Amino acid sequence: MPIPIDQRKKPTAVKVHVKTGAGVDITWADGHESHFDFPYLRDNCPCATCNDERGKKQTFAGSNPAPSAVLPMFKPKPRAQSATQVGNYAIQINFNDGHSTGIFSYDYLRSMCPCADCAREFRSATT
C-alpha cells in the first residue's frame, strides 16, 4: 500500500530565479511560502556524493586535526546555471561549480525550509 503524501509538502507554485540568482521560492498547499538561497541548497545537496562528504567532515570534526598553515582557496558563491523539473516531485539544479547530481524532492525541500515553523514541524519529528 503506498504511503499517503503529506499535502503540506505539495507545492502549488515553484519559482527558480536562475537569471537573478535570488534562489528558489515555493508556495505550499497549506499556504506557507519558503525561500531557499542557492548557497543553502548547494550546502544541503541530497546527492550521495555530498552526503558522503558531509559524513567525512563530521567524522574528522571530532578528531581535532592540526590547524593548516595553508589558506583556504577562494570559492565563488554558489549560483544556479539552470534548473529542471523532475516529474511532479522534484527539481534538479545545475550549479556554477559543475555540480548537477542533486535532485531536491519537494518533500526534502519542505523538511529543510529554513523558517522556525518548518524546523519545529518537520525536522523535530525526524531527529
N, C-alpha and C. Protein backbone atom coordinates (compact mmCIF):
# COMPACT_ATOMS: atom_id res chain seq x y z
N MET A 1 0.85 -1.18 0.00
CA MET A 1 0.00 0.00 0.00
C MET A 1 0.90 1.24 0.00
N PRO A 2 0.65 2.18 -0.90
CA PRO A 2 1.51 3.38 -0.96
C PRO A 2 1.34 4.27 0.26
N ILE A 3 2.41 4.97 0.59
CA ILE A 3 2.39 5.90 1.71
C ILE A 3 1.66 7.17 1.25
N PRO A 4 0.67 7.64 2.02
CA PRO A 4 -0.04 8.84 1.61
C PRO A 4 0.89 10.07 1.62
N ILE A 5 0.70 10.95 0.67
CA ILE A 5 1.51 12.15 0.55
C ILE A 5 1.00 13.20 1.53
N ASP A 6 1.92 13.77 2.28
CA ASP A 6 1.59 14.86 3.20
C ASP A 6 1.30 16.09 2.34
N GLN A 7 0.06 16.54 2.30
CA GLN A 7 -0.34 17.65 1.44
C GLN A 7 0.40 18.94 1.76
N ARG A 8 0.92 19.06 2.99
CA ARG A 8 1.68 20.26 3.34
C ARG A 8 3.00 20.31 2.58
N LYS A 9 3.45 19.17 2.06
CA LYS A 9 4.71 19.10 1.33
C LYS A 9 4.49 19.10 -0.18
N LYS A 10 3.30 19.50 -0.60
CA LYS A 10 2.98 19.58 -2.02
C LYS A 10 2.99 21.05 -2.44
N PRO A 11 3.81 21.41 -3.45
CA PRO A 11 3.86 22.81 -3.86
C PRO A 11 2.70 23.19 -4.78
N THR A 12 2.27 24.43 -4.66
CA THR A 12 1.28 24.95 -5.60
C THR A 12 1.96 25.89 -6.60
N ALA A 13 3.13 26.43 -6.24
CA ALA A 13 3.90 27.29 -7.15
C ALA A 13 5.38 27.16 -6.82
N VAL A 14 6.19 26.99 -7.86
CA VAL A 14 7.64 26.89 -7.71
C VAL A 14 8.28 27.87 -8.68
N LYS A 15 9.13 28.75 -8.16
CA LYS A 15 9.84 29.72 -8.99
C LYS A 15 11.34 29.60 -8.70
N VAL A 16 12.10 29.26 -9.74
CA VAL A 16 13.55 29.16 -9.62
C VAL A 16 14.13 30.38 -10.33
N HIS A 17 14.78 31.25 -9.58
CA HIS A 17 15.28 32.52 -10.11
C HIS A 17 16.74 32.36 -10.56
N VAL A 18 16.94 31.69 -11.68
CA VAL A 18 18.29 31.41 -12.18
C VAL A 18 18.97 32.70 -12.64
N LYS A 19 18.29 33.51 -13.43
CA LYS A 19 18.91 34.72 -14.00
C LYS A 19 19.31 35.73 -12.94
N THR A 20 18.47 35.95 -11.95
CA THR A 20 18.77 36.94 -10.93
C THR A 20 19.63 36.38 -9.81
N GLY A 21 19.67 35.06 -9.68
CA GLY A 21 20.44 34.43 -8.61
C GLY A 21 19.77 34.52 -7.25
N ALA A 22 18.48 34.87 -7.25
CA ALA A 22 17.75 35.08 -5.99
C ALA A 22 17.45 33.79 -5.24
N GLY A 23 17.46 32.64 -5.90
CA GLY A 23 17.17 31.39 -5.23
C GLY A 23 15.87 30.77 -5.71
N VAL A 24 15.26 29.99 -4.84
CA VAL A 24 14.03 29.26 -5.17
C VAL A 24 12.94 29.69 -4.21
N ASP A 25 11.77 30.01 -4.76
CA ASP A 25 10.60 30.35 -3.95
C ASP A 25 9.52 29.31 -4.20
N ILE A 26 8.97 28.79 -3.12
CA ILE A 26 7.92 27.77 -3.23
C ILE A 26 6.75 28.17 -2.35
N THR A 27 5.55 28.10 -2.93
CA THR A 27 4.32 28.25 -2.16
C THR A 27 3.74 26.85 -2.02
N TRP A 28 3.45 26.47 -0.78
CA TRP A 28 2.98 25.11 -0.48
C TRP A 28 1.46 25.08 -0.41
N ALA A 29 0.90 23.88 -0.49
CA ALA A 29 -0.55 23.69 -0.50
C ALA A 29 -1.22 24.25 0.76
N ASP A 30 -0.49 24.30 1.87
CA ASP A 30 -1.08 24.84 3.09
C ASP A 30 -0.93 26.35 3.21
N GLY A 31 -0.42 27.00 2.13
CA GLY A 31 -0.28 28.45 2.11
C GLY A 31 1.08 28.96 2.57
N HIS A 32 1.89 28.11 3.15
CA HIS A 32 3.22 28.52 3.61
C HIS A 32 4.10 28.85 2.41
N GLU A 33 4.98 29.84 2.56
CA GLU A 33 5.91 30.19 1.50
C GLU A 33 7.33 30.00 2.00
N SER A 34 8.17 29.34 1.20
CA SER A 34 9.56 29.10 1.56
C SER A 34 10.47 29.77 0.54
N HIS A 35 11.60 30.27 1.03
CA HIS A 35 12.64 30.82 0.16
C HIS A 35 13.94 30.09 0.46
N PHE A 36 14.61 29.62 -0.58
CA PHE A 36 15.88 28.92 -0.45
C PHE A 36 16.93 29.65 -1.28
N ASP A 37 18.00 30.14 -0.64
CA ASP A 37 19.11 30.72 -1.37
C ASP A 37 19.90 29.59 -2.03
N PHE A 38 20.54 29.88 -3.16
CA PHE A 38 21.32 28.84 -3.83
C PHE A 38 22.47 28.31 -2.98
N PRO A 39 23.20 29.15 -2.21
CA PRO A 39 24.25 28.59 -1.36
C PRO A 39 23.70 27.60 -0.32
N TYR A 40 22.53 27.90 0.24
CA TYR A 40 21.90 27.00 1.20
C TYR A 40 21.56 25.66 0.54
N LEU A 41 21.01 25.72 -0.67
CA LEU A 41 20.68 24.49 -1.39
C LEU A 41 21.94 23.70 -1.73
N ARG A 42 22.99 24.39 -2.19
CA ARG A 42 24.23 23.69 -2.55
C ARG A 42 24.84 23.01 -1.33
N ASP A 43 24.81 23.70 -0.19
CA ASP A 43 25.36 23.12 1.04
C ASP A 43 24.55 21.94 1.55
N ASN A 44 23.29 21.88 1.19
CA ASN A 44 22.42 20.80 1.66
C ASN A 44 21.99 19.86 0.53
N CYS A 45 22.81 19.77 -0.51
CA CYS A 45 22.50 18.90 -1.63
C CYS A 45 22.30 17.46 -1.14
N PRO A 46 21.22 16.80 -1.57
CA PRO A 46 20.93 15.47 -1.07
C PRO A 46 21.59 14.32 -1.84
N CYS A 47 22.46 14.60 -2.79
CA CYS A 47 23.04 13.51 -3.59
C CYS A 47 23.99 12.66 -2.75
N ALA A 48 24.29 11.48 -3.22
CA ALA A 48 25.15 10.54 -2.49
C ALA A 48 26.55 11.10 -2.27
N THR A 49 27.10 11.77 -3.25
CA THR A 49 28.44 12.33 -3.12
C THR A 49 28.49 13.37 -2.01
N CYS A 50 27.54 14.27 -2.01
CA CYS A 50 27.51 15.33 -0.98
C CYS A 50 27.23 14.74 0.40
N ASN A 51 26.34 13.76 0.49
CA ASN A 51 26.07 13.11 1.78
C ASN A 51 27.34 12.45 2.31
N ASP A 52 28.10 11.82 1.42
CA ASP A 52 29.36 11.18 1.81
C ASP A 52 30.36 12.22 2.32
N GLU A 53 30.47 13.33 1.61
CA GLU A 53 31.39 14.41 2.03
C GLU A 53 30.99 14.98 3.39
N ARG A 54 29.69 15.19 3.61
CA ARG A 54 29.24 15.70 4.91
C ARG A 54 29.56 14.70 6.01
N GLY A 55 29.40 13.42 5.72
CA GLY A 55 29.73 12.39 6.70
C GLY A 55 31.20 12.39 7.06
N LYS A 56 32.06 12.57 6.07
CA LYS A 56 33.51 12.62 6.32
C LYS A 56 33.87 13.84 7.16
N LYS A 57 33.25 14.98 6.87
CA LYS A 57 33.54 16.19 7.64
C LYS A 57 33.13 16.01 9.10
N GLN A 58 31.99 15.35 9.34
CA GLN A 58 31.53 15.13 10.71
C GLN A 58 32.47 14.18 11.43
N THR A 59 32.98 13.18 10.73
CA THR A 59 33.90 12.22 11.32
C THR A 59 35.20 12.91 11.71
N PHE A 60 35.75 13.72 10.80
CA PHE A 60 37.01 14.39 11.06
C PHE A 60 36.87 15.55 12.03
N ALA A 61 35.69 16.11 12.15
CA ALA A 61 35.49 17.24 13.07
C ALA A 61 35.74 16.83 14.51
N GLY A 62 35.45 15.59 14.82
CA GLY A 62 35.65 15.09 16.19
C GLY A 62 37.08 14.73 16.49
N SER A 63 37.94 14.64 15.48
CA SER A 63 39.32 14.21 15.72
C SER A 63 40.28 15.37 15.94
N ASN A 64 39.80 16.63 15.90
CA ASN A 64 40.62 17.83 16.11
C ASN A 64 41.93 17.81 15.31
N PRO A 65 41.83 17.92 13.99
CA PRO A 65 43.05 17.93 13.20
C PRO A 65 43.89 19.18 13.48
N ALA A 66 45.19 19.08 13.22
CA ALA A 66 46.09 20.22 13.43
C ALA A 66 45.70 21.34 12.47
N PRO A 67 45.78 22.59 12.90
CA PRO A 67 45.43 23.69 12.01
C PRO A 67 46.36 23.72 10.80
N SER A 68 45.80 24.05 9.68
CA SER A 68 46.56 24.08 8.43
C SER A 68 47.22 25.44 8.26
N ALA A 69 48.45 25.43 7.77
CA ALA A 69 49.16 26.67 7.51
C ALA A 69 48.75 27.25 6.16
N VAL A 70 48.05 26.47 5.36
CA VAL A 70 47.64 26.90 4.04
C VAL A 70 46.30 27.62 4.14
N LEU A 71 46.21 28.76 3.49
CA LEU A 71 44.95 29.50 3.49
C LEU A 71 43.93 28.77 2.62
N PRO A 72 42.66 28.83 3.00
CA PRO A 72 41.66 28.16 2.18
C PRO A 72 41.55 28.83 0.81
N MET A 73 41.25 28.03 -0.16
CA MET A 73 41.11 28.52 -1.53
C MET A 73 39.80 29.31 -1.67
N PHE A 74 39.83 30.38 -2.45
CA PHE A 74 38.61 31.17 -2.68
C PHE A 74 37.61 30.35 -3.48
N LYS A 75 36.38 30.35 -3.01
CA LYS A 75 35.31 29.68 -3.74
C LYS A 75 34.25 30.73 -4.07
N PRO A 76 33.85 30.81 -5.33
CA PRO A 76 32.78 31.75 -5.65
C PRO A 76 31.46 31.29 -5.02
N LYS A 77 30.60 32.25 -4.76
CA LYS A 77 29.29 31.95 -4.17
C LYS A 77 28.51 31.04 -5.11
N PRO A 78 27.94 29.95 -4.58
CA PRO A 78 27.16 29.04 -5.43
C PRO A 78 25.97 29.76 -6.08
N ARG A 79 25.83 29.52 -7.36
CA ARG A 79 24.71 30.06 -8.14
C ARG A 79 24.19 28.93 -9.02
N ALA A 80 22.99 29.10 -9.47
CA ALA A 80 22.41 28.13 -10.40
C ALA A 80 22.68 28.57 -11.83
N GLN A 81 23.05 27.62 -12.66
CA GLN A 81 23.19 27.90 -14.09
C GLN A 81 21.91 27.52 -14.82
N SER A 82 21.24 26.49 -14.30
CA SER A 82 19.95 26.07 -14.86
C SER A 82 19.23 25.20 -13.83
N ALA A 83 17.96 24.98 -14.09
CA ALA A 83 17.16 24.12 -13.22
C ALA A 83 16.13 23.39 -14.08
N THR A 84 15.83 22.17 -13.67
CA THR A 84 14.90 21.33 -14.41
C THR A 84 13.92 20.69 -13.44
N GLN A 85 12.67 20.62 -13.82
CA GLN A 85 11.69 19.91 -13.01
C GLN A 85 11.86 18.42 -13.26
N VAL A 86 11.82 17.63 -12.20
CA VAL A 86 11.93 16.18 -12.30
C VAL A 86 10.55 15.61 -11.96
N GLY A 87 9.85 15.16 -12.98
CA GLY A 87 8.50 14.65 -12.77
C GLY A 87 7.64 15.67 -12.03
N ASN A 88 6.80 15.17 -11.14
CA ASN A 88 5.96 16.05 -10.33
C ASN A 88 6.46 16.11 -8.90
N TYR A 89 7.70 15.65 -8.67
CA TYR A 89 8.12 15.50 -7.29
C TYR A 89 9.41 16.23 -6.91
N ALA A 90 10.14 16.84 -7.86
CA ALA A 90 11.44 17.41 -7.50
C ALA A 90 11.93 18.42 -8.54
N ILE A 91 13.02 19.10 -8.16
CA ILE A 91 13.75 19.95 -9.10
C ILE A 91 15.23 19.55 -9.03
N GLN A 92 15.90 19.68 -10.15
CA GLN A 92 17.33 19.42 -10.23
C GLN A 92 18.01 20.72 -10.64
N ILE A 93 19.04 21.09 -9.90
CA ILE A 93 19.73 22.36 -10.14
C ILE A 93 21.16 22.09 -10.59
N ASN A 94 21.56 22.76 -11.67
CA ASN A 94 22.95 22.70 -12.13
C ASN A 94 23.64 23.94 -11.57
N PHE A 95 24.62 23.74 -10.70
CA PHE A 95 25.31 24.84 -10.04
C PHE A 95 26.55 25.27 -10.81
N ASN A 96 27.01 26.49 -10.53
CA ASN A 96 28.16 27.05 -11.24
C ASN A 96 29.48 26.36 -10.92
N ASP A 97 29.51 25.49 -9.91
CA ASP A 97 30.73 24.75 -9.61
C ASP A 97 30.79 23.42 -10.36
N GLY A 98 29.83 23.22 -11.27
CA GLY A 98 29.79 22.00 -12.07
C GLY A 98 28.96 20.89 -11.45
N HIS A 99 28.46 21.09 -10.25
CA HIS A 99 27.68 20.05 -9.57
C HIS A 99 26.25 20.06 -10.10
N SER A 100 25.74 18.88 -10.46
CA SER A 100 24.38 18.82 -11.01
C SER A 100 23.65 17.52 -10.67
N THR A 101 24.19 16.72 -9.75
CA THR A 101 23.57 15.42 -9.49
C THR A 101 22.51 15.43 -8.39
N GLY A 102 22.36 16.54 -7.69
CA GLY A 102 21.38 16.59 -6.62
C GLY A 102 19.97 16.80 -7.14
N ILE A 103 19.07 15.95 -6.69
CA ILE A 103 17.65 16.09 -7.02
C ILE A 103 16.93 16.43 -5.72
N PHE A 104 16.37 17.64 -5.68
CA PHE A 104 15.72 18.15 -4.48
C PHE A 104 14.23 17.84 -4.55
N SER A 105 13.81 16.79 -3.85
CA SER A 105 12.38 16.47 -3.84
C SER A 105 11.65 17.55 -3.05
N TYR A 106 10.38 17.74 -3.37
CA TYR A 106 9.59 18.73 -2.65
C TYR A 106 9.45 18.33 -1.19
N ASP A 107 9.37 17.05 -0.92
CA ASP A 107 9.32 16.55 0.45
C ASP A 107 10.57 17.00 1.21
N TYR A 108 11.74 16.81 0.59
CA TYR A 108 13.02 17.21 1.20
C TYR A 108 13.08 18.73 1.38
N LEU A 109 12.66 19.48 0.36
CA LEU A 109 12.71 20.93 0.44
C LEU A 109 11.83 21.46 1.58
N ARG A 110 10.65 20.89 1.74
CA ARG A 110 9.78 21.37 2.83
C ARG A 110 10.40 21.04 4.18
N SER A 111 11.01 19.87 4.28
CA SER A 111 11.61 19.49 5.56
C SER A 111 12.85 20.31 5.89
N MET A 112 13.48 20.91 4.88
CA MET A 112 14.67 21.73 5.15
C MET A 112 14.39 23.23 5.02
N CYS A 113 13.13 23.60 4.96
CA CYS A 113 12.77 25.02 4.92
C CYS A 113 13.44 25.72 6.10
N PRO A 114 14.13 26.85 5.84
CA PRO A 114 14.90 27.49 6.91
C PRO A 114 14.08 28.20 7.99
N CYS A 115 12.78 28.28 7.84
CA CYS A 115 11.99 29.01 8.85
C CYS A 115 11.82 28.18 10.13
N ALA A 116 11.60 28.87 11.22
CA ALA A 116 11.46 28.23 12.53
C ALA A 116 10.23 27.33 12.60
N ASP A 117 9.13 27.73 11.95
CA ASP A 117 7.91 26.92 11.98
C ASP A 117 8.14 25.56 11.34
N CYS A 118 8.78 25.54 10.18
CA CYS A 118 9.04 24.26 9.50
C CYS A 118 10.07 23.43 10.26
N ALA A 119 11.04 24.09 10.88
CA ALA A 119 12.03 23.36 11.68
C ALA A 119 11.32 22.62 12.81
N ARG A 120 10.40 23.28 13.46
CA ARG A 120 9.64 22.68 14.55
C ARG A 120 8.71 21.57 14.04
N GLU A 121 8.04 21.85 12.93
CA GLU A 121 7.02 20.95 12.40
C GLU A 121 7.60 19.70 11.73
N PHE A 122 8.67 19.88 10.94
CA PHE A 122 9.16 18.78 10.10
C PHE A 122 10.49 18.17 10.55
N ARG A 123 11.39 18.99 11.07
CA ARG A 123 12.70 18.43 11.45
C ARG A 123 12.70 17.82 12.83
N SER A 124 11.90 18.31 13.74
CA SER A 124 11.89 17.75 15.09
C SER A 124 11.38 16.32 15.09
N ALA A 125 10.52 15.98 14.14
CA ALA A 125 9.98 14.62 14.05
C ALA A 125 11.02 13.64 13.53
N THR A 126 12.00 14.12 12.76
CA THR A 126 12.99 13.21 12.16
C THR A 126 14.26 13.11 12.97
N THR A 127 14.45 13.99 13.97
CA THR A 127 15.69 13.94 14.76
C THR A 127 15.45 13.37 16.13
